PDB file of N, CA and C in Angstrom:
ATOM      1  N   MET A   1     164.852 101.156 176.545  1.00  0.00           N
ATOM      2  CA  MET A   1     164.344 102.101 175.565  1.00  0.00           C
ATOM      3  C   MET A   1     162.914 101.741 175.136  1.00  0.00           C
ATOM      4  N   ILE A   2     162.657 100.477 175.003  1.00  0.00           N
ATOM      5  CA  ILE A   2     161.367 100.042 174.540  1.00  0.00           C
ATOM      6  C   ILE A   2     160.314 100.135 175.614  1.00  0.00           C
ATOM      7  N   LEU A   3     160.727  99.848 176.869  1.00  0.00           N
ATOM      8  CA  LEU A   3     159.722  99.874 177.977  1.00  0.00           C
ATOM      9  C   LEU A   3     159.075 101.260 178.120  1.00  0.00           C
ATOM     10  N   PRO A   4     159.811 102.356 178.215  1.00  0.00           N
ATOM     11  CA  PRO A   4     159.177 103.647 178.292  1.00  0.00           C
ATOM     12  C   PRO A   4     158.140 103.979 177.082  1.00  0.00           C
ATOM     13  N   ILE A   5     158.511 103.475 175.978  1.00  0.00           N
ATOM     14  CA  ILE A   5     157.621 103.751 174.819  1.00  0.00           C
ATOM     15  C   ILE A   5     156.314 102.947 174.996  1.00  0.00           C
ATOM     16  N   LEU A   6     156.454 101.764 175.510  1.00  0.00           N
ATOM     17  CA  LEU A   6     155.285 100.910 175.752  1.00  0.00           C
ATOM     18  C   LEU A   6     154.322 101.541 176.853  1.00  0.00           C
ATOM     19  N   TYR A   7     154.971 102.120 177.858  1.00  0.00           N
ATOM     20  CA  TYR A   7     154.216 102.797 178.899  1.00  0.00           C
ATOM     21  C   TYR A   7     153.465 103.988 178.377  1.00  0.00           C
ATOM     22  N   VAL A   8     154.126 104.759 177.531  1.00  0.00           N
ATOM     23  CA  VAL A   8     153.432 105.928 176.943  1.00  0.00           C
ATOM     24  C   VAL A   8     152.374 105.516 175.993  1.00  0.00           C
ATOM     25  N   ALA A   9     152.570 104.420 175.211  1.00  0.00           N
ATOM     26  CA  ALA A   9     151.481 103.949 174.332  1.00  0.00           C
ATOM     27  C   ALA A   9     150.322 103.397 175.112  1.00  0.00           C
ATOM     28  N   GLN A  10     150.555 102.711 176.226  1.00  0.00           N
ATOM     29  CA  GLN A  10     149.481 102.248 177.111  1.00  0.00           C
ATOM     30  C   GLN A  10     148.725 103.388 177.639  1.00  0.00           C
ATOM     31  N   ALA A  11     149.401 104.408 178.155  1.00  0.00           N
ATOM     32  CA  ALA A  11     148.737 105.608 178.716  1.00  0.00           C
ATOM     33  C   ALA A  11     147.872 106.262 177.686  1.00  0.00           C
ATOM     34  N   ILE A  12     148.365 106.377 176.456  1.00  0.00           N
ATOM     35  CA  ILE A  12     147.574 107.073 175.436  1.00  0.00           C
ATOM     36  C   ILE A  12     146.287 106.206 175.059  1.00  0.00           C
ATOM     37  N   ILE A  13     146.479 104.916 175.029  1.00  0.00           N
ATOM     38  CA  ILE A  13     145.292 104.079 174.715  1.00  0.00           C
ATOM     39  C   ILE A  13     144.261 104.114 175.841  1.00  0.00           C
ATOM     40  N   LEU A  14     144.743 104.068 177.098  1.00  0.00           N
ATOM     41  CA  LEU A  14     143.786 104.134 178.187  1.00  0.00           C
ATOM     42  C   LEU A  14     143.043 105.443 178.285  1.00  0.00           C
ATOM     43  N   TYR A  15     143.833 106.559 178.059  1.00  0.00           N
ATOM     44  CA  TYR A  15     143.189 107.873 178.105  1.00  0.00           C
ATOM     45  C   TYR A  15     142.168 107.933 176.900  1.00  0.00           C
ATOM     46  N   GLY A  16     142.511 107.427 175.741  1.00  0.00           N
ATOM     47  CA  GLY A  16     141.508 107.413 174.604  1.00  0.00           C
ATOM     48  C   GLY A  16     140.235 106.670 174.933  1.00  0.00           C
ATOM     49  N   ILE A  17     140.364 105.490 175.606  1.00  0.00           N
ATOM     50  CA  ILE A  17     139.140 104.768 176.063  1.00  0.00           C
ATOM     51  C   ILE A  17     138.335 105.572 177.061  1.00  0.00           C
ATOM     52  N   TYR A  18     139.050 106.142 178.028  1.00  0.00           N
ATOM     53  CA  TYR A  18     138.364 106.968 179.057  1.00  0.00           C
ATOM     54  C   TYR A  18     137.680 108.112 178.414  1.00  0.00           C
ATOM     55  N   TYR A  19     138.294 108.864 177.542  1.00  0.00           N
ATOM     56  CA  TYR A  19     137.723 109.997 176.826  1.00  0.00           C
ATOM     57  C   TYR A  19     136.498 109.575 175.989  1.00  0.00           C
ATOM     58  N   TYR A  20     136.595 108.462 175.327  1.00  0.00           N
ATOM     59  CA  TYR A  20     135.449 107.944 174.482  1.00  0.00           C
ATOM     60  C   TYR A  20     134.284 107.687 175.385  1.00  0.00           C
ATOM     61  N   CYS A  21     134.460 107.038 176.474  1.00  0.00           N
ATOM     62  CA  CYS A  21     133.378 106.708 177.340  1.00  0.00           C
ATOM     63  C   CYS A  21     132.781 107.941 178.023  1.00  0.00           C
ATOM     64  N   LYS A  22     133.533 108.964 178.278  1.00  0.00           N
ATOM     65  CA  LYS A  22     133.035 110.196 178.867  1.00  0.00           C
ATOM     66  C   LYS A  22     132.191 111.003 177.838  1.00  0.00           C
ATOM     67  N   VAL A  23     132.749 111.026 176.664  1.00  0.00           N
ATOM     68  CA  VAL A  23     132.083 111.896 175.587  1.00  0.00           C
ATOM     69  C   VAL A  23     130.867 111.205 175.054  1.00  0.00           C
ATOM     70  N   ASN A  24     130.942 109.891 174.730  1.00  0.00           N
ATOM     71  CA  ASN A  24     129.903 109.175 174.096  1.00  0.00           C
ATOM     72  C   ASN A  24     129.019 108.366 175.065  1.00  0.00           C
ATOM     73  N   LYS A  25     128.733 108.995 176.214  1.00  0.00           N
ATOM     74  CA  LYS A  25     127.949 108.327 177.187  1.00  0.00           C
ATOM     75  C   LYS A  25     126.518 108.311 176.836  1.00  0.00           C
ATOM     76  N   TYR A  26     125.963 107.101 176.742  1.00  0.00           N
ATOM     77  CA  TYR A  26     124.492 106.964 176.406  1.00  0.00           C
ATOM     78  C   TYR A  26     124.040 105.646 176.938  1.00  0.00           C
ATOM     79  N   ILE A  27     122.687 105.501 176.898  1.00  0.00           N
ATOM     80  CA  ILE A  27     122.110 104.231 177.323  1.00  0.00           C
ATOM     81  C   ILE A  27     121.422 103.645 176.166  1.00  0.00           C
ATOM     82  N   MET A  28     121.277 102.345 176.179  1.00  0.00           N
ATOM     83  CA  MET A  28     120.503 101.661 175.209  1.00  0.00           C
ATOM     84  C   MET A  28     119.360 100.979 175.998  1.00  0.00           C
ATOM     85  N   ILE A  29     118.131 101.311 175.586  1.00  0.00           N
ATOM     86  CA  ILE A  29     116.961 100.697 176.278  1.00  0.00           C
ATOM     87  C   ILE A  29     116.323  99.790 175.236  1.00  0.00           C
ATOM     88  N   GLY A  30     116.345  98.561 175.581  1.00  0.00           N
ATOM     89  CA  GLY A  30     115.675  97.482 174.757  1.00  0.00           C
ATOM     90  C   GLY A  30     114.320  97.054 175.333  1.00  0.00           C
ATOM     91  N   LYS A  31     113.733  96.038 174.716  1.00  0.00           N
ATOM     92  CA  LYS A  31     112.549  95.597 175.268  1.00  0.00           C
ATOM     93  C   LYS A  31     112.692  94.876 176.555  1.00  0.00           C
ATOM     94  N   ASP A  32     113.800  94.131 176.723  1.00  0.00           N
ATOM     95  CA  ASP A  32     114.007  93.328 177.846  1.00  0.00           C
ATOM     96  C   ASP A  32     115.154  93.829 178.798  1.00  0.00           C
ATOM     97  N   TYR A  33     115.856  94.894 178.424  1.00  0.00           N
ATOM     98  CA  TYR A  33     117.057  95.296 179.193  1.00  0.00           C
ATOM     99  C   TYR A  33     117.313  96.767 179.043  1.00  0.00           C
ATOM    100  N   ILE A  34     118.211  97.260 179.885  1.00  0.00           N
ATOM    101  CA  ILE A  34     118.763  98.632 179.824  1.00  0.00           C
ATOM    102  C   ILE A  34     120.307  98.500 180.003  1.00  0.00           C
ATOM    103  N   GLN A  35     121.008  99.173 179.137  1.00  0.00           N
ATOM    104  CA  GLN A  35     122.428  99.010 179.069  1.00  0.00           C
ATOM    105  C   GLN A  35     123.107 100.338 178.969  1.00  0.00           C
ATOM    106  N   ARG A  36     124.202 100.502 179.723  1.00  0.00           N
ATOM    107  CA  ARG A  36     124.978 101.746 179.686  1.00  0.00           C
ATOM    108  C   ARG A  36     126.151 101.576 178.793  1.00  0.00           C
ATOM    109  N   ASN A  37     126.609 102.573 178.079  1.00  0.00           N
ATOM    110  CA  ASN A  37     127.747 102.486 177.210  1.00  0.00           C
ATOM    111  C   ASN A  37     128.984 102.657 178.089  1.00  0.00           C
ATOM    112  N   SER A  38     129.847 101.640 178.244  1.00  0.00           N
ATOM    113  CA  SER A  38     131.134 101.742 178.882  1.00  0.00           C
ATOM    114  C   SER A  38     131.915 100.511 178.446  1.00  0.00           C
ATOM    115  N   LEU A  39     133.067 100.395 179.012  1.00  0.00           N
ATOM    116  CA  LEU A  39     133.953  99.278 178.589  1.00  0.00           C
ATOM    117  C   LEU A  39     133.377  97.912 178.903  1.00  0.00           C
ATOM    118  N   SER A  40     132.812  97.786 180.070  1.00  0.00           N
ATOM    119  CA  SER A  40     132.285  96.461 180.414  1.00  0.00           C
ATOM    120  C   SER A  40     130.830  96.296 180.010  1.00  0.00           C
ATOM    121  N   LYS A  41     130.210  97.278 179.479  1.00  0.00           N
ATOM    122  CA  LYS A  41     128.814  97.252 179.017  1.00  0.00           C
ATOM    123  C   LYS A  41     127.886  96.682 180.032  1.00  0.00           C
ATOM    124  N   PRO A  42     127.688  97.361 181.155  1.00  0.00           N
ATOM    125  CA  PRO A  42     126.794  96.740 182.172  1.00  0.00           C
ATOM    126  C   PRO A  42     125.370  96.744 181.669  1.00  0.00           C
ATOM    127  N   LYS A  43     124.702  95.655 181.849  1.00  0.00           N
ATOM    128  CA  LYS A  43     123.282  95.455 181.340  1.00  0.00           C
ATOM    129  C   LYS A  43     122.453  94.930 182.477  1.00  0.00           C
ATOM    130  N   VAL A  44     121.247  95.424 182.586  1.00  0.00           N
ATOM    131  CA  VAL A  44     120.267  94.986 183.634  1.00  0.00           C
ATOM    132  C   VAL A  44     119.063  94.540 182.877  1.00  0.00           C
ATOM    133  N   TYR A  45     118.564  93.380 183.164  1.00  0.00           N
ATOM    134  CA  TYR A  45     117.309  92.886 182.549  1.00  0.00           C
ATOM    135  C   TYR A  45     116.141  93.346 183.346  1.00  0.00           C
ATOM    136  N   VAL A  46     114.980  93.523 182.638  1.00  0.00           N
ATOM    137  CA  VAL A  46     113.833  94.033 183.250  1.00  0.00           C
ATOM    138  C   VAL A  46     113.336  93.154 184.370  1.00  0.00           C
ATOM    139  N   GLU A  47     113.313  91.856 184.122  1.00  0.00           N
ATOM    140  CA  GLU A  47     112.737  90.907 185.173  1.00  0.00           C
ATOM    141  C   GLU A  47     113.626  90.787 186.411  1.00  0.00           C
ATOM    142  N   ASP A  48     114.932  91.289 186.340  1.00  0.00           N
ATOM    143  CA  ASP A  48     115.769  91.214 187.508  1.00  0.00           C
ATOM    144  C   ASP A  48     115.723  92.468 188.364  1.00  0.00           C
ATOM    145  N   VAL A  49     115.105  93.521 187.865  1.00  0.00           N
ATOM    146  CA  VAL A  49     115.135  94.814 188.620  1.00  0.00           C
ATOM    147  C   VAL A  49     114.241  94.687 189.809  1.00  0.00           C
ATOM    148  N   LEU A  50     114.859  94.922 190.967  1.00  0.00           N
ATOM    149  CA  LEU A  50     114.073  94.820 192.269  1.00  0.00           C
ATOM    150  C   LEU A  50     113.654  96.242 192.664  1.00  0.00           C
ATOM    151  N   LYS A  51     114.483  97.250 192.592  1.00  0.00           N
ATOM    152  CA  LYS A  51     114.218  98.603 193.059  1.00  0.00           C
ATOM    153  C   LYS A  51     114.882  99.527 192.150  1.00  0.00           C
ATOM    154  N   VAL A  52     114.231 100.764 191.863  1.00  0.00           N
ATOM    155  CA  VAL A  52     114.758 101.851 191.199  1.00  0.00           C
ATOM    156  C   VAL A  52     114.719 103.049 192.110  1.00  0.00           C
ATOM    157  N   ARG A  53     115.964 103.712 192.237  1.00  0.00           N
ATOM    158  CA  ARG A  53     116.047 104.818 193.145  1.00  0.00           C
ATOM    159  C   ARG A  53     116.609 105.982 192.360  1.00  0.00           C
ATOM    160  N   LYS A  54     116.098 107.181 192.582  1.00  0.00           N
ATOM    161  CA  LYS A  54     116.595 108.351 191.961  1.00  0.00           C
ATOM    162  C   LYS A  54     117.086 109.278 193.032  1.00  0.00           C
ATOM    163  N   LYS A  55     118.329 109.548 192.914  1.00  0.00           N
ATOM    164  CA  LYS A  55     118.990 110.483 193.914  1.00  0.00           C
ATOM    165  C   LYS A  55     119.669 111.597 193.079  1.00  0.00           C
ATOM    166  N   GLY A  56     119.028 112.792 193.168  1.00  0.00           N
ATOM    167  CA  GLY A  56     119.486 113.916 192.427  1.00  0.00           C
ATOM    168  C   GLY A  56     119.242 113.671 190.933  1.00  0.00           C
ATOM    169  N   LYS A  57     120.324 113.660 190.169  1.00  0.00           N
ATOM    170  CA  LYS A  57     120.251 113.380 188.709  1.00  0.00           C
ATOM    171  C   LYS A  57     120.717 111.954 188.327  1.00  0.00           C
ATOM    172  N   ILE A  58     120.820 111.070 189.360  1.00  0.00           N
ATOM    173  CA  ILE A  58     121.313 109.731 189.036  1.00  0.00           C
ATOM    174  C   ILE A  58     120.238 108.712 189.375  1.00  0.00           C
ATOM    175  N   TYR A  59     119.994 107.855 188.417  1.00  0.00           N
ATOM    176  CA  TYR A  59     119.118 106.662 188.608  1.00  0.00           C
ATOM    177  C   TYR A  59     119.940 105.459 189.043  1.00  0.00           C
ATOM    178  N   PHE A  60     119.506 104.677 190.012  1.00  0.00           N
ATOM    179  CA  PHE A  60     120.056 103.474 190.454  1.00  0.00           C
ATOM    180  C   PHE A  60     119.112 102.351 190.177  1.00  0.00           C
ATOM    181  N   PHE A  61     119.524 101.305 189.428  1.00  0.00           N
ATOM    182  CA  PHE A  61     118.721 100.136 189.201  1.00  0.00           C
ATOM    183  C   PHE A  61     119.359  99.013 189.954  1.00  0.00           C
ATOM    184  N   TYR A  62     118.624  98.484 190.982  1.00  0.00           N
ATOM    185  CA  TYR A  62     119.170  97.436 191.888  1.00  0.00           C
ATOM    186  C   TYR A  62     118.664  96.092 191.397  1.00  0.00           C
ATOM    187  N   THR A  63     119.527  95.107 191.407  1.00  0.00           N
ATOM    188  CA  THR A  63     119.158  93.693 191.198  1.00  0.00           C
ATOM    189  C   THR A  63     119.846  92.948 192.296  1.00  0.00           C
ATOM    190  N   ASN A  64     119.688  91.602 192.280  1.00  0.00           N
ATOM    191  CA  ASN A  64     120.362  90.772 193.283  1.00  0.00           C
ATOM    192  C   ASN A  64     121.895  90.818 193.083  1.00  0.00           C
ATOM    193  N   LYS A  65     122.385  90.864 191.886  1.00  0.00           N
ATOM    194  CA  LYS A  65     123.771  90.709 191.597  1.00  0.00           C
ATOM    195  C   LYS A  65     124.487  92.064 191.455  1.00  0.00           C
ATOM    196  N   ARG A  66     123.869  93.071 190.915  1.00  0.00           N
ATOM    197  CA  ARG A  66     124.534  94.287 190.599  1.00  0.00           C
ATOM    198  C   ARG A  66     123.646  95.502 190.720  1.00  0.00           C
ATOM    199  N   THR A  67     124.320  96.640 190.660  1.00  0.00           N
ATOM    200  CA  THR A  67     123.578  97.906 190.634  1.00  0.00           C
ATOM    201  C   THR A  67     124.047  98.743 189.450  1.00  0.00           C
ATOM    202  N   LEU A  68     123.098  99.170 188.631  1.00  0.00           N
ATOM    203  CA  LEU A  68     123.402  99.976 187.439  1.00  0.00           C
ATOM    204  C   LEU A  68     123.135 101.441 187.798  1.00  0.00           C
ATOM    205  N   ARG A  69     124.137 102.281 187.550  1.00  0.00           N
ATOM    206  CA  ARG A  69     123.966 103.745 187.858  1.00  0.00           C
ATOM    207  C   ARG A  69     123.985 104.488 186.492  1.00  0.00           C
ATOM    208  N   ILE A  70     122.965 105.317 186.368  1.00  0.00           N
ATOM    209  CA  ILE A  70     122.854 106.123 185.144  1.00  0.00           C
ATOM    210  C   ILE A  70     122.787 107.636 185.507  1.00  0.00           C
ATOM    211  N   ASN A  71     123.738 108.353 185.048  1.00  0.00           N
ATOM    212  CA  ASN A  71     123.776 109.793 185.322  1.00  0.00           C
ATOM    213  C   ASN A  71     122.959 110.543 184.238  1.00  0.00           C
ATOM    214  N   THR A  72     121.840 111.146 184.627  1.00  0.00           N
ATOM    215  CA  THR A  72     120.977 111.818 183.641  1.00  0.00           C
ATOM    216  C   THR A  72     121.557 113.128 183.132  1.00  0.00           C
ATOM    217  N   LYS A  73     122.616 113.712 183.727  1.00  0.00           N
ATOM    218  CA  LYS A  73     123.194 114.822 183.234  1.00  0.00           C
ATOM    219  C   LYS A  73     123.858 114.597 181.917  1.00  0.00           C
ATOM    220  N   LEU A  74     124.242 113.363 181.683  1.00  0.00           N
ATOM    221  CA  LEU A  74     125.013 113.015 180.437  1.00  0.00           C
ATOM    222  C   LEU A  74     124.057 112.548 179.296  1.00  0.00           C
ATOM    223  N   LEU A  75     122.809 112.593 179.490  1.00  0.00           N
ATOM    224  CA  LEU A  75     121.832 112.223 178.506  1.00  0.00           C
ATOM    225  C   LEU A  75     121.240 113.408 177.849  1.00  0.00           C
ATOM    226  N   ASP A  76     120.790 113.253 176.547  1.00  0.00           N
ATOM    227  CA  ASP A  76     120.073 114.289 175.914  1.00  0.00           C
ATOM    228  C   ASP A  76     118.593 114.212 176.302  1.00  0.00           C
ATOM    229  N   SER A  77     117.776 115.119 175.873  1.00  0.00           N
ATOM    230  CA  SER A  77     116.360 115.206 176.313  1.00  0.00           C
ATOM    231  C   SER A  77     115.612 114.036 175.848  1.00  0.00           C
ATOM    232  N   GLN A  78     115.781 113.543 174.613  1.00  0.00           N
ATOM    233  CA  GLN A  78     115.080 112.397 174.126  1.00  0.00           C
ATOM    234  C   GLN A  78     115.412 111.133 174.904  1.00  0.00           C
ATOM    235  N   ALA A  79     116.637 110.908 175.163  1.00  0.00           N
ATOM    236  CA  ALA A  79     117.049 109.751 175.934  1.00  0.00           C
ATOM    237  C   ALA A  79     116.556 109.801 177.412  1.00  0.00           C
ATOM    238  N   LEU A  80     116.454 110.993 177.898  1.00  0.00           N
ATOM    239  CA  LEU A  80     115.909 111.159 179.281  1.00  0.00           C
ATOM    240  C   LEU A  80     114.464 110.830 179.317  1.00  0.00           C
ATOM    241  N   LEU A  81     113.712 111.226 178.280  1.00  0.00           N
ATOM    242  CA  LEU A  81     112.214 110.867 178.273  1.00  0.00           C
ATOM    243  C   LEU A  81     112.098 109.381 178.108  1.00  0.00           C
ATOM    244  N   GLU A  82     112.939 108.719 177.242  1.00  0.00           N
ATOM    245  CA  GLU A  82     112.860 107.251 177.137  1.00  0.00           C
ATOM    246  C   GLU A  82     113.163 106.572 178.462  1.00  0.00           C
ATOM    247  N   LEU A  83     114.095 107.072 179.170  1.00  0.00           N
ATOM    248  CA  LEU A  83     114.468 106.474 180.418  1.00  0.00           C
ATOM    249  C   LEU A  83     113.331 106.609 181.451  1.00  0.00           C
ATOM    250  N   GLU A  84     112.704 107.730 181.499  1.00  0.00           N
ATOM    251  CA  GLU A  84     111.565 107.974 182.435  1.00  0.00           C
ATOM    252  C   GLU A  84     110.396 107.072 182.074  1.00  0.00           C
ATOM    253  N   VAL A  85     110.108 106.856 180.822  1.00  0.00           N
ATOM    254  CA  VAL A  85     109.019 106.023 180.380  1.00  0.00           C
ATOM    255  C   VAL A  85     109.384 104.588 180.698  1.00  0.00           C
ATOM    256  N   PHE A  86     110.612 104.238 180.551  1.00  0.00           N
ATOM    257  CA  PHE A  86     111.122 102.898 180.852  1.00  0.00           C
ATOM    258  C   PHE A  86     110.899 102.609 182.374  1.00  0.00           C
ATOM    259  N   VAL A  87     111.251 103.525 183.194  1.00  0.00           N
ATOM    260  CA  VAL A  87     111.172 103.361 184.711  1.00  0.00           C
ATOM    261  C   VAL A  87     109.652 103.236 185.065  1.00  0.00           C
ATOM    262  N   LYS A  88     108.782 104.021 184.423  1.00  0.00           N
ATOM    263  CA  LYS A  88     107.375 103.971 184.766  1.00  0.00           C
ATOM    264  C   LYS A  88     106.765 102.543 184.491  1.00  0.00           C
ATOM    265  N   HIS A  89     107.264 101.921 183.371  1.00  0.00           N
ATOM    266  CA  HIS A  89     106.742 100.707 182.905  1.00  0.00           C
ATOM    267  C   HIS A  89     107.409  99.415 183.464  1.00  0.00           C
ATOM    268  N   LEU A  90     108.289  99.582 184.450  1.00  0.00           N
ATOM    269  CA  LEU A  90     108.859  98.412 185.032  1.00  0.00           C
ATOM    270  C   LEU A  90     107.835  97.645 185.768  1.00  0.00           C
ATOM    271  N   PRO A  91     107.646  96.311 185.580  1.00  0.00           N
ATOM    272  CA  PRO A  91     106.553  95.605 186.124  1.00  0.00           C
ATOM    273  C   PRO A  91     106.668  95.354 187.586  1.00  0.00           C
ATOM    274  N   ASN A  92     107.863  94.977 188.074  1.00  0.00           N
ATOM    275  CA  ASN A  92     108.004  94.500 189.483  1.00  0.00           C
ATOM    276  C   ASN A  92     108.940  95.276 190.313  1.00  0.00           C
ATOM    277  N   ALA A  93     109.334  96.451 189.798  1.00  0.00           N
ATOM    278  CA  ALA A  93     110.335  97.303 190.553  1.00  0.00           C
ATOM    279  C   ALA A  93     109.578  98.291 191.473  1.00  0.00           C
ATOM    280  N   VAL A  94     110.178  98.533 192.595  1.00  0.00           N
ATOM    281  CA  VAL A  94     109.630  99.482 193.520  1.00  0.00           C
ATOM    282  C   VAL A  94     110.468 100.777 193.290  1.00  0.00           C
ATOM    283  N   SER A  95     109.779 101.864 193.020  1.00  0.00           N
ATOM    284  CA  SER A  95     110.466 103.179 192.767  1.00  0.00           C
ATOM    285  C   SER A  95     110.525 103.871 194.088  1.00  0.00           C
ATOM    286  N   VAL A  96     111.718 104.374 194.345  1.00  0.00           N
ATOM    287  CA  VAL A  96     111.944 105.038 195.713  1.00  0.00           C
ATOM    288  C   VAL A  96     112.440 106.429 195.319  1.00  0.00           C
TER     289      VAL A  96
END
């Protein structure tokens, strides 16, 4: 009796987290990093960015260890402008 209730509670919690991440999708651009809002909070530091690629409406930030993907369809106009300025001012990244 308790096990099905726990499964339902777990499903509700996971759906709530998924819905929160889909609705409140945004990026945080700091002086030294760019971070996407999700459960794991992926962060890429400016000095680690090797290449920036834009494919359609998605930006890819490549480093040695990871790739950060940012979907611009989920951003508002102000955040999109900040992202484009951030990409232009990357010191050692190759834009493709």
